[in-house]
Amino acid sequence: MRSLKIMSMLSGLVLAASALLTAHPAAADGPTPPAEFTGDWHDPVTAAPPVDTPGTRSCQVTLAAAQFRDFTPYQGSYTPPKECGTRWNKVVLRLEGSVKGRQYDRLGYLTVGGVEIFRTSTPQPSPEGITWSVEKDVTRYRDTLSRPQPVEMLIGNVVNETYTGVLDVRVTLTFHTAQGWVKPAAGTPDRVIPLTGATLTTPRNTERVLAEVYATGSGGGCEEYWYLSVPDAAPYSCRAADGPHREVRVSVDGRLAGIAAPFPTVWTGGWSNPFLWYVTPGPRAFDVQPIVYDLTPFAALLNDGRAHRVEVAVAGVPAGQAGWSTPTNVLLWQDEGSRVVTGGLDRHEETAPRNSSRYTAGSPHRLDTEAGHRLTVAGHLNTSHGRVVTTVDRTVAHTSVHRWGEGENPDAFTASWSERETVTAGRTVTRTDRAYTMDGETTVGAGDRLRTVLTLGDRAATSVVRDGRLRSWSRLDDTYTGDATYTTGVPRDQRHAVGTTNERYRLYGSDGCYDRSVTTVQGTVTQDLRRC
């Protein structure tokens, strides 16, 4: 992946989170930072929480171990650990990696039995070398992990005289057993099917259907920075006829079944300034989370025993332009009391997609974009436990302002993407509001000093109501801020780079509270503050 040359919806969460914090925060202050970046810096660290585990007996399996030098995938095999049975409360994937020298950020995936269970990207190394790790809860893939499977992993890489960093990676699975009061994981799907083509055949007694899409715009072209693209008439290096709006859509037999806004991931070479990311990656950069769609209203149509077309497309991408990857898994729950679950699709309402990009020439140039779309689908199923009606209503919206000068200096961008999703399944209503934000500017000043100032936000609010009573709720606010400057066009030891970053990750709700801030200066962790 390469860098371009230059490049609040839930604001009330901050106040709400403050009210839940304990009165005695614990802080860990780091060493005094150097005056500027040296040839070595702290290993990458994020403020995100580790995966919660029950403390029961556990077993570990190595899923993959490889050194990635090119685009040859690692291929191996997986066998579930006999000593831990199949009554698992939690399954945790952990990647541990190391790299040194010089290397770009790289995108990777890992599949088990053809099911993609992990998508990630890598940090950029120091000459002396770094190590990093990522954890992910993969319990929902219980069906896939319950039997022997082939394994494939690839982090495509290039190693030559200039880019010397070999990616040395080990991935493990740790199975935490269900014992005593610790019960097996509830609510995991009965089947997980990778969408390897455009067709899907489901068991005829399916009563719930989810699709998860690991949608990423990457690969070194303009779709890595899709949010900065401009209409063809505007003078900017990345162009798209319909502007920067993108929407990830799922269709069933040619009929729109799900819509979503892609997450605007910034990789560790992003915004022309790797000094922003050497220690603190942007939200989700190391753990690319899938977009989840509830396709249950279509279950009755899928249950006829025939193959159906299920397709994923990214709207807004210029025709013939590469850069998007959309591997998809379909998660299925079956009705144990029925051989065949019947029903029907009762409602399908869609607003006309709205997408307006207005270019204004001047100094600076300016592009204002507004977009939105709404889809409502409803269907019923005649299950062994009664008739169940599922309604899914999802609204996506995007607003952004892009300003740039001659030669794309300065280059400034402010944007927000939002989603409001309500799923009503019988007497249970689950509502989720998501908001992604980006606000930054890159400039090149005197002495070829390039400076990037950037703030990123990943926020979500979820509530579950059953029979009119609130059953659970959660709030997430993951905010990254960075400011870094270096001299361009010179060897690394002459860049005289300086930079500060801060990530604060807050997650609280009916299950408790987590609040952590990590601050870095010139690659040194100067504060690690925990408030819950």
Protein backbone atom coordinates (compact mmCIF):
# COMPACT_ATOMS: atom_id res chain seq x y z
CA MET A 1 0.00 0.00 0.00
CA ARG A 2 1.24 3.50 -0.71
CA SER A 3 0.52 6.96 0.65
CA LEU A 4 -0.84 9.74 -1.53
CA LYS A 5 1.37 12.75 -2.05
CA ILE A 6 -0.66 14.93 0.30
CA MET A 7 -3.33 14.06 1.33
CA SER A 8 -20.32 14.18 16.31
CA MET A 9 -22.86 12.15 15.94
CA LEU A 10 -22.49 10.65 19.46
CA SER A 11 -20.75 13.50 21.28
CA GLY A 12 -22.96 12.91 24.32
CA LEU A 13 -21.08 9.68 24.97
CA VAL A 14 -18.16 11.63 26.41
CA LEU A 15 -20.26 13.10 29.20
CA ALA A 16 -22.01 9.83 29.85
CA ALA A 17 -18.72 7.95 30.05
CA SER A 18 -17.28 10.46 32.51
CA ALA A 19 -20.16 9.82 34.86
CA LEU A 20 -19.31 6.11 34.97
CA LEU A 21 -15.58 6.45 35.65
CA THR A 22 -14.10 5.43 38.96
CA ALA A 23 -12.74 8.16 41.20
CA HIS A 24 -9.22 6.72 41.33
CA PRO A 25 -7.74 6.39 37.83
CA ALA A 26 -4.55 4.38 37.49
CA ALA A 27 -1.82 5.94 35.36
CA ALA A 28 1.50 4.61 34.12
CA ASP A 29 3.88 7.36 33.03
CA GLY A 30 6.58 6.43 30.55
CA PRO A 31 10.16 7.65 30.15
CA THR A 32 11.14 11.10 28.96
CA PRO A 33 10.88 11.17 25.16
CA PRO A 34 13.75 12.21 22.88
CA ALA A 35 13.71 15.61 21.14
CA GLU A 36 12.86 13.89 17.85
CA PHE A 37 12.28 10.37 16.50
CA THR A 38 15.36 8.16 16.63
CA GLY A 39 15.98 4.91 14.72
CA ASP A 40 14.05 2.98 17.35
CA TRP A 41 10.65 3.42 18.99
CA HIS A 42 8.13 1.68 21.21
CA ASP A 43 6.42 -1.45 19.89
CA PRO A 44 2.92 -0.76 18.49
CA VAL A 45 0.20 -0.55 21.12
CA THR A 46 -3.51 0.24 21.06
CA ALA A 47 -5.89 1.34 23.79
CA ALA A 48 -8.46 -1.31 22.83
CA PRO A 49 -9.26 -3.93 25.49
CA PRO A 50 -8.01 -7.51 25.45
CA VAL A 51 -10.58 -10.24 24.94
CA ASP A 52 -12.40 -11.14 28.16
CA THR A 53 -11.86 -14.78 29.16
CA PRO A 54 -13.58 -16.86 31.88
CA GLY A 55 -10.48 -18.17 33.68
CA THR A 56 -11.34 -21.81 33.10
CA ARG A 57 -9.09 -24.58 31.77
CA SER A 58 -7.76 -23.73 28.32
CA CYS A 59 -5.96 -25.33 25.39
CA GLN A 60 -3.86 -23.66 22.72
CA VAL A 61 -3.35 -24.60 19.07
CA THR A 62 -0.93 -22.99 16.62
CA LEU A 63 -2.98 -22.07 13.58
CA ALA A 64 -0.23 -20.60 11.38
CA ALA A 65 3.48 -19.79 11.61
CA ALA A 66 5.20 -18.19 8.64
CA GLN A 67 7.65 -15.62 7.36
CA PHE A 68 6.03 -13.56 4.61
CA ARG A 69 8.47 -12.32 1.96
CA ASP A 70 6.23 -12.37 -1.12
CA PHE A 71 2.70 -13.26 -2.17
CA THR A 72 2.95 -16.99 -1.48
CA PRO A 73 0.27 -17.99 1.04
CA TYR A 74 0.97 -20.16 4.06
CA GLN A 75 -1.00 -23.39 3.87
CA GLY A 76 -1.46 -25.75 6.77
CA SER A 77 -4.01 -27.78 8.65
CA TYR A 78 -6.00 -27.37 11.83
CA THR A 79 -7.27 -29.96 14.30
CA PRO A 80 -9.33 -28.98 17.36
CA PRO A 81 -7.63 -29.84 20.67
CA LYS A 82 -9.06 -33.10 22.03
CA GLU A 83 -8.23 -32.26 25.62
CA CYS A 84 -10.65 -29.29 25.62
CA GLY A 85 -13.59 -31.02 23.93
CA THR A 86 -16.08 -28.83 22.05
CA ARG A 87 -17.85 -27.18 25.00
CA TRP A 88 -16.13 -23.82 24.67
CA ASN A 89 -17.05 -20.62 26.44
CA LYS A 90 -14.60 -18.50 24.46
CA VAL A 91 -12.15 -18.96 21.59
CA VAL A 92 -9.45 -16.29 21.23
CA LEU A 93 -7.23 -15.77 18.20
CA ARG A 94 -3.89 -14.12 18.86
CA LEU A 95 -1.40 -12.92 16.25
CA GLU A 96 2.19 -12.21 17.31
CA GLY A 97 4.44 -10.60 14.74
CA SER A 98 7.90 -9.12 14.34
CA VAL A 99 9.63 -7.17 11.57
CA LYS A 100 12.69 -4.96 11.23
CA GLY A 101 14.35 -2.85 8.58
CA ARG A 102 12.23 -0.99 6.04
CA GLN A 103 8.79 -2.05 4.88
CA TYR A 104 5.39 -0.71 3.84
CA ASP A 105 2.19 -1.57 5.65
CA ARG A 106 0.69 -4.80 4.28
CA LEU A 107 -2.81 -6.29 4.28
CA GLY A 108 -3.42 -9.88 5.35
CA TYR A 109 -6.09 -12.51 5.84
CA LEU A 110 -6.50 -15.91 7.51
CA THR A 111 -9.04 -18.56 6.53
CA VAL A 112 -10.02 -21.84 8.17
CA GLY A 113 -11.97 -24.21 5.98
CA GLY A 114 -12.42 -21.37 3.51
CA VAL A 115 -14.03 -19.16 6.18
CA GLU A 116 -12.19 -15.87 6.69
CA ILE A 117 -11.88 -15.48 10.45
CA PHE A 118 -9.31 -12.67 10.57
CA ARG A 119 -8.27 -9.72 8.41
CA THR A 120 -5.43 -7.45 9.46
CA SER A 121 -2.76 -4.99 8.38
CA THR A 122 0.78 -4.53 9.64
CA PRO A 123 2.81 -1.78 11.30
CA GLN A 124 5.86 -0.21 9.67
CA PRO A 125 9.12 -1.24 11.36
CA SER A 126 12.07 0.55 12.85
CA PRO A 127 15.60 -0.38 11.66
CA GLU A 128 16.16 -2.18 14.97
CA GLY A 129 12.86 -4.06 14.74
CA ILE A 130 9.46 -4.14 16.42
CA THR A 131 7.02 -6.74 17.72
CA TRP A 132 3.26 -6.44 17.89
CA SER A 133 0.22 -8.52 18.76
CA VAL A 134 -3.52 -8.58 18.03
CA GLU A 135 -6.32 -10.45 19.79
CA LYS A 136 -9.75 -11.30 18.42
CA ASP A 137 -12.77 -13.15 19.79
CA VAL A 138 -13.56 -15.84 17.20
CA THR A 139 -16.09 -17.82 19.24
CA ARG A 140 -18.77 -17.22 16.61
CA TYR A 141 -16.85 -19.55 14.27
CA ARG A 142 -17.49 -22.52 16.60
CA ASP A 143 -19.02 -24.53 13.75
CA THR A 144 -15.90 -24.14 11.60
CA LEU A 145 -13.49 -24.76 14.47
CA SER A 146 -15.21 -27.90 15.73
CA ARG A 147 -13.61 -30.17 13.10
CA PRO A 148 -10.30 -30.52 11.18
CA GLN A 149 -9.88 -27.90 8.45
CA PRO A 150 -7.33 -26.59 5.96
CA VAL A 151 -5.74 -23.26 6.89
CA GLU A 152 -4.54 -20.49 4.59
CA MET A 153 -2.90 -17.22 5.54
CA LEU A 154 -1.31 -14.49 3.48
CA ILE A 155 0.22 -11.12 4.24
CA GLY A 156 1.39 -10.13 0.77
CA ASN A 157 4.86 -8.62 0.97
CA VAL A 158 7.75 -7.44 -1.17
CA VAL A 159 11.34 -7.91 0.01
CA ASN A 160 14.22 -6.52 -2.02
CA GLU A 161 17.29 -4.29 -1.64
CA THR A 162 15.11 -1.34 -0.55
CA TYR A 163 12.26 -2.97 1.36
CA THR A 164 13.99 -5.39 3.69
CA GLY A 165 11.34 -6.17 6.28
CA VAL A 166 10.34 -9.84 6.48
CA LEU A 167 7.04 -10.33 8.35
CA ASP A 168 7.52 -13.10 10.92
CA VAL A 169 4.08 -14.11 12.19
CA ARG A 170 2.60 -16.72 14.51
CA VAL A 171 -1.16 -17.15 15.05
CA THR A 172 -2.68 -19.23 17.84
CA LEU A 173 -6.15 -20.18 19.01
CA THR A 174 -6.84 -20.53 22.73
CA PHE A 175 -9.95 -22.50 23.69
CA HIS A 176 -11.45 -21.63 27.08
CA THR A 177 -13.67 -24.43 28.30
CA ALA A 178 -17.13 -24.31 29.87
CA GLN A 179 -16.95 -25.58 33.44
CA GLY A 180 -19.27 -25.27 36.44
CA TRP A 181 -21.02 -21.92 36.35
CA VAL A 182 -19.20 -21.00 33.13
CA LYS A 183 -21.54 -22.16 30.37
CA PRO A 184 -20.82 -22.81 26.67
CA ALA A 185 -21.00 -19.76 24.46
CA ALA A 186 -24.62 -18.91 23.72
CA GLY A 187 -26.01 -17.71 20.43
CA THR A 188 -23.27 -18.95 18.12
CA PRO A 189 -24.44 -19.96 14.63
CA ASP A 190 -25.08 -23.60 13.73
CA ARG A 191 -23.44 -23.20 10.34
CA VAL A 192 -20.85 -20.82 8.87
CA ILE A 193 -20.62 -20.92 5.08
CA PRO A 194 -18.00 -18.96 3.10
CA LEU A 195 -19.46 -17.27 0.05
CA THR A 196 -16.96 -18.67 -2.43
CA GLY A 197 -18.98 -17.77 -5.51
CA ALA A 198 -22.19 -15.92 -6.13
CA THR A 199 -24.48 -18.73 -4.99
CA LEU A 200 -25.68 -19.94 -1.60
CA THR A 201 -27.72 -22.98 -0.59
CA THR A 202 -28.95 -22.99 3.01
CA PRO A 203 -30.35 -25.79 5.19
CA ARG A 204 -34.13 -25.82 4.76
CA ASN A 205 -34.79 -25.27 8.46
CA THR A 206 -32.81 -22.02 8.70
CA GLU A 207 -34.47 -19.45 10.99
CA ARG A 208 -31.81 -16.72 11.16
CA VAL A 209 -29.33 -15.49 8.55
CA LEU A 210 -26.47 -13.03 8.97
CA ALA A 211 -23.85 -12.09 6.40
CA GLU A 212 -20.50 -10.63 7.41
CA VAL A 213 -18.39 -8.82 4.82
CA TYR A 214 -14.72 -7.97 5.41
CA ALA A 215 -14.85 -4.95 3.09
CA THR A 216 -11.52 -3.17 2.60
CA GLY A 217 -10.41 -0.55 0.13
CA SER A 218 -6.67 -1.03 -0.26
CA GLY A 219 -3.95 -2.26 -2.57
CA GLY A 220 -2.02 0.94 -3.25
CA GLY A 221 -4.44 2.62 -5.65
CA CYS A 222 -6.90 5.42 -5.14
CA GLU A 223 -9.51 3.17 -3.52
CA GLU A 224 -7.18 2.97 -0.52
CA TYR A 225 -8.16 6.63 -0.07
CA TRP A 226 -11.67 6.36 -1.52
CA TYR A 227 -12.97 9.07 0.81
CA LEU A 228 -10.65 11.63 -0.86
CA SER A 229 -11.64 10.95 -4.46
CA VAL A 230 -13.25 13.77 -6.45
CA PRO A 231 -15.42 13.98 -9.60
CA ASP A 232 -13.61 13.94 -12.92
CA ALA A 233 -13.95 17.70 -13.43
CA ALA A 234 -11.96 18.57 -10.29
CA PRO A 235 -8.12 18.88 -10.38
CA TYR A 236 -7.07 16.19 -7.89
CA SER A 237 -4.94 13.06 -8.20
CA CYS A 238 -7.69 10.57 -7.29
CA ARG A 239 -10.90 10.77 -9.27
CA ALA A 240 -14.23 8.97 -9.35
CA ALA A 241 -17.14 10.04 -11.52
CA ASP A 242 -19.59 10.00 -8.60
CA GLY A 243 -17.21 11.43 -6.01
CA PRO A 244 -16.09 9.89 -2.70
CA HIS A 245 -19.28 8.19 -1.51
CA ARG A 246 -19.06 4.41 -1.18
CA GLU A 247 -21.72 1.95 -0.01
CA VAL A 248 -21.32 -1.79 0.53
CA ARG A 249 -24.45 -3.58 -0.72
CA VAL A 250 -25.66 -7.16 -0.45
CA SER A 251 -28.27 -8.52 -2.85
CA VAL A 252 -30.26 -11.77 -2.90
CA ASP A 253 -31.34 -12.97 -6.34
CA GLY A 254 -30.73 -9.48 -7.69
CA ARG A 255 -32.81 -7.75 -5.02
CA LEU A 256 -31.17 -5.33 -2.59
CA ALA A 257 -30.99 -7.04 0.83
CA GLY A 258 -28.56 -4.92 2.87
CA ILE A 259 -26.74 -1.58 2.81
CA ALA A 260 -23.87 -0.23 4.91
CA ALA A 261 -21.20 2.45 5.05
CA PRO A 262 -17.64 1.07 4.83
CA PHE A 263 -15.35 1.94 7.72
CA PRO A 264 -12.76 4.57 6.63
CA THR A 265 -9.71 2.62 7.77
CA VAL A 266 -6.43 4.52 7.77
CA TRP A 267 -3.53 2.11 7.39
CA THR A 268 -0.13 2.66 9.01
CA GLY A 269 1.29 4.50 6.00
CA GLY A 270 -1.77 6.70 5.66
CA TRP A 271 -2.01 10.45 5.13
CA SER A 272 1.58 10.69 3.87
CA ASN A 273 2.93 10.42 7.40
CA PRO A 274 4.08 7.11 8.92
CA PHE A 275 5.22 8.95 12.07
CA LEU A 276 1.55 9.16 13.07
CA TRP A 277 1.26 5.37 13.23
CA TYR A 278 4.60 3.90 14.29
CA VAL A 279 3.32 3.26 17.82
CA THR A 280 -0.43 3.93 17.73
CA PRO A 281 -2.34 2.52 14.74
CA GLY A 282 -5.66 4.03 13.70
CA PRO A 283 -8.92 2.41 14.86
CA ARG A 284 -9.43 -1.11 13.43
CA ALA A 285 -6.19 -1.07 11.42
CA PHE A 286 -4.87 -4.26 13.07
CA ASP A 287 -8.30 -5.91 13.47
CA VAL A 288 -10.44 -5.25 10.41
CA GLN A 289 -14.00 -5.85 11.55
CA PRO A 290 -16.62 -7.19 9.14
CA ILE A 291 -19.82 -5.35 8.24
CA VAL A 292 -22.74 -7.44 9.50
CA TYR A 293 -26.09 -7.64 7.69
CA ASP A 294 -29.24 -9.32 9.02
CA LEU A 295 -30.75 -11.19 6.06
CA THR A 296 -33.36 -13.09 8.09
CA PRO A 297 -36.29 -11.52 6.19
CA PHE A 298 -35.01 -13.46 3.16
CA ALA A 299 -34.71 -16.80 5.02
CA ALA A 300 -37.98 -18.22 3.69
CA LEU A 301 -36.87 -17.56 0.12
CA LEU A 302 -33.49 -19.17 0.78
CA ASN A 303 -35.06 -22.22 2.44
CA ASP A 304 -36.45 -23.76 -0.77
CA GLY A 305 -33.48 -26.08 -1.17
CA ARG A 306 -32.21 -24.35 -4.29
CA ALA A 307 -29.07 -22.31 -4.93
CA HIS A 308 -29.61 -18.55 -4.73
CA ARG A 309 -27.47 -15.67 -5.90
CA VAL A 310 -26.00 -13.72 -2.99
CA GLU A 311 -23.73 -10.94 -4.22
CA VAL A 312 -21.70 -8.14 -2.65
CA ALA A 313 -20.86 -4.91 -4.47
CA VAL A 314 -19.32 -1.55 -3.53
CA ALA A 315 -21.35 1.27 -5.03
CA GLY A 316 -19.42 4.35 -6.17
CA VAL A 317 -16.27 2.61 -7.39
CA PRO A 318 -15.40 3.73 -10.94
CA ALA A 319 -16.11 1.05 -13.52
CA GLY A 320 -13.15 -1.28 -14.00
CA GLN A 321 -11.19 0.15 -11.08
CA ALA A 322 -9.68 -2.34 -8.65
CA GLY A 323 -8.95 -1.86 -4.98
CA TRP A 324 -11.83 -3.38 -3.00
CA SER A 325 -11.91 -6.78 -1.36
CA THR A 326 -15.19 -8.16 0.02
CA PRO A 327 -14.75 -11.72 1.38
CA THR A 328 -18.07 -12.82 2.87
CA ASN A 329 -19.28 -15.43 5.36
CA VAL A 330 -22.91 -16.42 5.87
CA LEU A 331 -23.90 -17.33 9.45
CA LEU A 332 -26.95 -19.57 9.86
CA TRP A 333 -29.10 -20.62 12.82
CA GLN A 334 -31.35 -23.67 12.39
CA ASP A 335 -34.70 -24.59 13.95
CA GLU A 336 -34.08 -27.91 15.70
CA GLY A 337 -37.83 -28.59 15.86
CA SER A 338 -38.48 -28.28 12.11
CA ARG A 339 -37.26 -30.04 8.98
CA VAL A 340 -38.41 -27.15 6.79
CA VAL A 341 -39.11 -23.59 7.90
CA THR A 342 -41.54 -21.79 5.60
CA GLY A 343 -42.59 -18.15 5.41
CA GLY A 344 -42.24 -15.21 3.10
CA LEU A 345 -40.77 -11.80 2.35
CA ASP A 346 -43.53 -9.38 3.28
CA ARG A 347 -42.05 -5.91 2.80
CA HIS A 348 -39.27 -4.34 0.75
CA GLU A 349 -38.99 -0.55 0.74
CA GLU A 350 -36.02 1.44 -0.51
CA THR A 351 -35.47 5.15 -0.87
CA ALA A 352 -33.70 6.38 -3.97
CA PRO A 353 -29.96 6.57 -3.15
CA ARG A 354 -28.93 10.19 -2.68
CA ASN A 355 -25.40 11.23 -3.66
CA SER A 356 -24.37 14.80 -4.40
CA SER A 357 -20.79 16.06 -4.80
CA ARG A 358 -20.52 19.77 -5.51
CA TYR A 359 -17.14 21.07 -6.69
CA THR A 360 -16.19 24.73 -6.24
CA ALA A 361 -13.05 25.98 -7.98
CA GLY A 362 -10.88 28.47 -6.16
CA SER A 363 -8.08 28.78 -3.70
CA PRO A 364 -8.56 26.41 -2.05
CA HIS A 365 -10.55 24.05 -4.24
CA ARG A 366 -13.54 22.60 -2.43
CA LEU A 367 -15.75 19.54 -2.73
CA ASP A 368 -18.94 19.21 -0.65
CA THR A 369 -20.52 15.76 -0.57
CA GLU A 370 -23.82 14.60 0.89
CA ALA A 371 -25.22 11.10 0.47
CA GLY A 372 -27.82 8.86 2.04
CA HIS A 373 -29.88 5.72 1.54
CA ARG A 374 -32.53 3.77 3.48
CA LEU A 375 -33.69 0.18 3.16
CA THR A 376 -36.47 -1.56 5.09
CA VAL A 377 -37.20 -5.27 4.67
CA ALA A 378 -39.52 -7.54 6.63
CA GLY A 379 -40.33 -11.24 6.47
CA HIS A 380 -42.02 -13.94 8.51
CA LEU A 381 -41.07 -17.53 9.36
CA ASN A 382 -43.31 -20.33 10.59
CA THR A 383 -41.00 -21.96 13.13
CA SER A 384 -41.53 -24.78 15.64
CA HIS A 385 -41.87 -22.10 18.33
CA GLY A 386 -44.41 -20.01 16.45
CA ARG A 387 -44.60 -17.38 13.75
CA VAL A 388 -41.71 -14.92 13.94
CA VAL A 389 -41.65 -11.63 12.04
CA THR A 390 -38.27 -9.95 11.47
CA THR A 391 -37.97 -6.36 10.27
CA VAL A 392 -34.63 -4.76 9.41
CA ASP A 393 -34.45 -1.00 8.88
CA ARG A 394 -31.07 0.58 8.03
CA THR A 395 -30.23 4.15 7.08
CA VAL A 396 -26.77 5.27 5.96
CA ALA A 397 -25.59 8.87 5.58
CA HIS A 398 -22.35 10.60 4.63
CA THR A 399 -21.28 14.24 4.65
CA SER A 400 -17.80 15.53 3.87
CA VAL A 401 -15.88 18.67 2.93
CA HIS A 402 -12.60 18.34 1.04
CA ARG A 403 -10.38 21.41 0.55
CA TRP A 404 -7.05 21.50 -1.24
CA GLY A 405 -4.62 24.01 -2.68
CA GLU A 406 -2.49 24.01 -5.82
CA GLY A 407 -0.29 20.94 -5.91
CA GLU A 408 -2.63 19.47 -3.26
CA ASN A 409 -0.91 21.59 -0.63
CA PRO A 410 -2.56 22.02 1.79
CA ASP A 411 -4.94 19.04 1.69
CA ALA A 412 -7.75 19.07 4.28
CA PHE A 413 -10.69 16.77 4.83
CA THR A 414 -13.59 16.65 7.30
CA ALA A 415 -16.18 13.88 7.15
CA SER A 416 -18.75 11.87 9.04
CA TRP A 417 -20.46 8.60 8.16
CA SER A 418 -23.46 7.40 10.13
CA GLU A 419 -25.72 4.38 10.27
CA ARG A 420 -28.94 3.80 12.15
CA GLU A 421 -30.07 0.19 12.23
CA THR A 422 -33.13 -1.28 13.94
CA VAL A 423 -33.79 -5.03 13.90
CA THR A 424 -37.13 -6.20 15.29
CA ALA A 425 -37.30 -9.98 15.72
CA GLY A 426 -40.52 -11.05 17.38
CA ARG A 427 -40.70 -9.20 20.70
CA THR A 428 -37.03 -8.13 20.68
CA VAL A 429 -35.83 -4.82 19.26
CA THR A 430 -32.10 -4.20 18.75
CA ARG A 431 -31.07 -0.69 17.80
CA THR A 432 -27.54 0.32 16.81
CA ASP A 433 -26.30 3.79 15.91
CA ARG A 434 -22.82 3.97 14.41
CA ALA A 435 -20.70 7.03 13.59
CA TYR A 436 -17.29 7.24 11.93
CA THR A 437 -15.49 10.60 11.79
CA MET A 438 -12.35 12.00 10.17
CA ASP A 439 -10.89 15.50 10.45
CA GLY A 440 -7.40 16.26 9.23
CA GLU A 441 -5.00 18.33 7.16
CA THR A 442 -1.62 17.75 5.52
CA THR A 443 0.64 20.67 4.57
CA VAL A 444 4.18 21.06 3.25
CA GLY A 445 5.87 24.18 4.52
CA ALA A 446 9.29 25.81 4.50
CA GLY A 447 12.23 23.45 4.25
CA ASP A 448 9.95 20.70 2.85
CA ARG A 449 8.55 20.10 6.33
CA LEU A 450 5.42 17.96 5.96
CA ARG A 451 2.92 18.15 8.81
CA THR A 452 -0.22 16.08 9.30
CA VAL A 453 -2.82 16.76 11.98
CA LEU A 454 -5.58 14.17 12.17
CA THR A 455 -8.47 13.04 14.39
CA LEU A 456 -10.36 9.78 13.82
CA GLY A 457 -13.46 8.52 15.59
CA ASP A 458 -15.23 5.16 15.82
CA ARG A 459 -18.44 5.31 17.86
CA ALA A 460 -21.44 3.08 18.44
CA ALA A 461 -24.48 2.94 20.72
CA THR A 462 -26.48 -0.30 21.03
CA SER A 463 -29.59 -1.20 23.01
CA VAL A 464 -31.67 -4.38 23.23
CA VAL A 465 -35.30 -4.11 24.34
CA ARG A 466 -37.58 -7.10 24.88
CA ASP A 467 -41.28 -6.77 25.66
CA GLY A 468 -40.73 -3.06 26.18
CA ARG A 469 -37.98 -3.51 28.81
CA LEU A 470 -34.32 -2.62 28.33
CA ARG A 471 -32.29 -5.84 28.50
CA SER A 472 -28.79 -4.59 27.65
CA TRP A 473 -26.97 -1.54 26.33
CA SER A 474 -23.47 -0.44 25.40
CA ARG A 475 -21.58 2.65 24.22
CA LEU A 476 -18.28 2.72 22.35
CA ASP A 477 -16.08 5.76 21.73
CA ASP A 478 -12.65 5.11 20.22
CA THR A 479 -10.89 8.38 19.36
CA TYR A 480 -7.42 8.81 17.88
CA THR A 481 -5.61 12.16 17.54
CA GLY A 482 -2.19 12.72 16.00
CA ASP A 483 0.16 15.54 14.96
CA ALA A 484 3.46 14.71 13.25
CA THR A 485 6.02 16.63 11.17
CA TYR A 486 9.11 15.54 9.22
CA THR A 487 11.34 16.67 6.36
CA THR A 488 10.46 15.03 3.05
CA GLY A 489 12.78 13.90 0.28
CA VAL A 490 15.75 13.09 2.52
CA PRO A 491 17.17 9.88 4.06
CA ARG A 492 15.49 8.62 7.20
CA ASP A 493 18.23 9.89 9.53
CA GLN A 494 17.77 13.45 8.20
CA ARG A 495 14.01 13.72 8.58
CA HIS A 496 14.11 15.27 12.09
CA ALA A 497 10.63 13.95 12.76
CA VAL A 498 8.51 14.89 15.75
CA GLY A 499 5.04 13.67 16.58
CA THR A 500 2.47 13.16 19.31
CA THR A 501 -0.46 10.74 19.33
CA ASN A 502 -3.26 9.83 21.71
CA GLU A 503 -5.86 7.10 21.57
CA ARG A 504 -8.68 6.90 24.09
CA TYR A 505 -10.92 3.83 23.96
CA ARG A 506 -14.10 3.89 26.06
CA LEU A 507 -16.58 1.02 26.21
CA TYR A 508 -19.26 0.93 28.87
CA GLY A 509 -22.78 -0.28 29.44
CA SER A 510 -24.74 -3.00 31.16
CA ASP A 511 -21.69 -5.33 31.12
CA GLY A 512 -19.36 -2.86 32.83
CA CYS A 513 -16.82 -0.19 31.93
CA TYR A 514 -13.46 0.01 30.14
CA ASP A 515 -11.57 3.26 29.63
CA ARG A 516 -7.93 3.54 28.57
CA SER A 517 -5.79 6.31 27.05
CA VAL A 518 -2.33 5.85 25.50
CA THR A 519 -0.19 8.92 24.71
CA THR A 520 3.06 8.91 22.73
CA VAL A 521 5.70 11.56 22.01
CA GLN A 522 8.43 10.94 19.41
CA GLY A 523 7.69 7.21 19.50
CA THR A 524 7.85 6.96 23.30
CA VAL A 525 4.81 5.98 25.38
CA THR A 526 4.60 8.82 27.88
CA GLN A 527 1.29 7.92 29.50
CA ASP A 528 -0.92 4.85 29.79
CA LEU A 529 -4.00 5.85 31.76
CA ARG A 530 -6.84 3.56 32.83
CA ARG A 531 -9.97 4.96 34.42
CA CYS A 532 -12.28 1.97 35.01
